[in-house]
Every structure is written in C-alpha cells, then in structure tokens.
C-alpha atoms as a PDB file:
ATOM      1  CA  MET A   1       0.026  -0.040   0.052  1.00  0.00           C
ATOM      2  CA  HIS A   2       1.486   3.337  -1.136  1.00  0.00           C
ATOM      3  CA  LEU A   3       0.291   6.698   0.281  1.00  0.00           C
ATOM      4  CA  GLN A   4       0.428   9.752  -1.862  1.00  0.00           C
ATOM      5  CA  ALA A   5       1.678  12.689   0.128  1.00  0.00           C
ATOM      6  CA  THR A   6      -0.179  15.860  -0.568  1.00  0.00           C
ATOM      7  CA  PRO A   7       1.683  18.824  -2.314  1.00  0.00           C
ATOM      8  CA  PRO A   8       2.920  21.413  -0.123  1.00  0.00           C
ATOM      9  CA  ARG A   9       0.786  24.314   0.257  1.00  0.00           C
ATOM     10  CA  THR A  10       1.784  27.669  -0.922  1.00  0.00           C
ATOM     11  CA  LEU A  11       2.978  30.165   1.931  1.00  0.00           C
ATOM     12  CA  PRO A  12       1.090  33.385   2.288  1.00  0.00           C
ATOM     13  CA  PRO A  13       3.148  36.517   0.938  1.00  0.00           C
ATOM     14  CA  GLN A  14       5.201  38.298   3.333  1.00  0.00           C
ATOM     15  CA  ASP A  15       5.441  41.972   3.903  1.00  0.00           C
ATOM     16  CA  MET A  16       9.233  42.501   4.042  1.00  0.00           C
ATOM     17  CA  GLU A  17       9.191  46.243   4.754  1.00  0.00           C
ATOM     18  CA  ALA A  18       6.931  45.632   7.736  1.00  0.00           C
ATOM     19  CA  MET A  19       9.182  43.057   8.980  1.00  0.00           C
ATOM     20  CA  ASP A  20      12.296  45.098   8.622  1.00  0.00           C
ATOM     21  CA  ALA A  21      10.544  47.823  10.510  1.00  0.00           C
ATOM     22  CA  SER A  22       9.607  45.573  13.266  1.00  0.00           C
ATOM     23  CA  GLU A  23      12.990  44.203  13.535  1.00  0.00           C
ATOM     24  CA  GLN A  24      14.480  47.799  13.960  1.00  0.00           C
ATOM     25  CA  GLN A  25      11.974  48.673  16.530  1.00  0.00           C
ATOM     26  CA  ALA A  26      12.953  45.477  18.498  1.00  0.00           C
ATOM     27  CA  GLN A  27      16.655  46.314  18.348  1.00  0.00           C
ATOM     28  CA  ARG A  28      15.971  49.816  19.368  1.00  0.00           C
ATOM     29  CA  LEU A  29      14.094  48.433  22.421  1.00  0.00           C
ATOM     30  CA  THR A  30      17.032  46.059  23.082  1.00  0.00           C
ATOM     31  CA  TYR A  31      19.525  48.933  23.069  1.00  0.00           C
ATOM     32  CA  VAL A  32      17.258  50.961  25.485  1.00  0.00           C
ATOM     33  CA  VAL A  33      16.750  48.118  27.824  1.00  0.00           C
ATOM     34  CA  GLY A  34      20.567  47.643  27.854  1.00  0.00           C
ATOM     35  CA  ALA A  35      21.330  51.160  28.428  1.00  0.00           C
ATOM     36  CA  VAL A  36      18.761  51.591  31.365  1.00  0.00           C
ATOM     37  CA  ALA A  37      20.288  48.336  32.842  1.00  0.00           C
ATOM     38  CA  GLY A  38      23.926  49.504  32.522  1.00  0.00           C
ATOM     39  CA  ALA A  39      22.986  53.095  34.059  1.00  0.00           C
ATOM     40  CA  VAL A  40      21.344  51.114  37.057  1.00  0.00           C
ATOM     41  CA  LEU A  41      24.493  48.784  37.516  1.00  0.00           C
ATOM     42  CA  LEU A  42      26.805  52.010  37.319  1.00  0.00           C
ATOM     43  CA  ALA A  43      24.693  53.776  39.829  1.00  0.00           C
ATOM     44  CA  LEU A  44      24.823  50.759  42.200  1.00  0.00           C
ATOM     45  CA  LEU A  45      28.622  50.343  41.693  1.00  0.00           C
ATOM     46  CA  CYS A  46      29.131  54.035  42.491  1.00  0.00           C
ATOM     47  CA  LEU A  47      26.856  53.651  45.698  1.00  0.00           C
ATOM     48  CA  LEU A  48      28.803  50.664  46.924  1.00  0.00           C
ATOM     49  CA  CYS A  49      32.179  52.131  46.323  1.00  0.00           C
ATOM     50  CA  SER A  50      31.176  55.280  47.978  1.00  0.00           C
ATOM     51  CA  ARG A  51      29.978  53.257  50.960  1.00  0.00           C
ATOM     52  CA  ALA A  52      33.334  51.428  51.008  1.00  0.00           C
ATOM     53  CA  LEU A  53      35.525  54.629  50.961  1.00  0.00           C
ATOM     54  CA  PHE A  54      33.335  56.709  53.480  1.00  0.00           C
END
C-alpha cells in the first residue's frame, strides 16, 4: 500500500518592509533596555564604592 503525500501548500506573501521595521523597533528597544540596565548597574557600583570609601 502506497500513500500519496499531498503537495505542499503555498505560503502567504510576506511584507518584508513591515518585517524590517519591526526588527528595527525591536533592536532599538533592546538597546534602550540594555542602556537602562547599564545605568542602574553603574549607579549601584558607585553607591557601593562610596559606601566602602566613606
């Protein structure tokens, strides 16, 4: 008994410009989150060092 596989269906068209815009927005968000996290860590480091010196 041989079964015939159904042919693959066609994929819907993709909006490449919208995908690029979404990726750029996600990248900017990633940079902002990283910058905020870095600023918080720098502030904590300065606070800890000032406590150790004084």
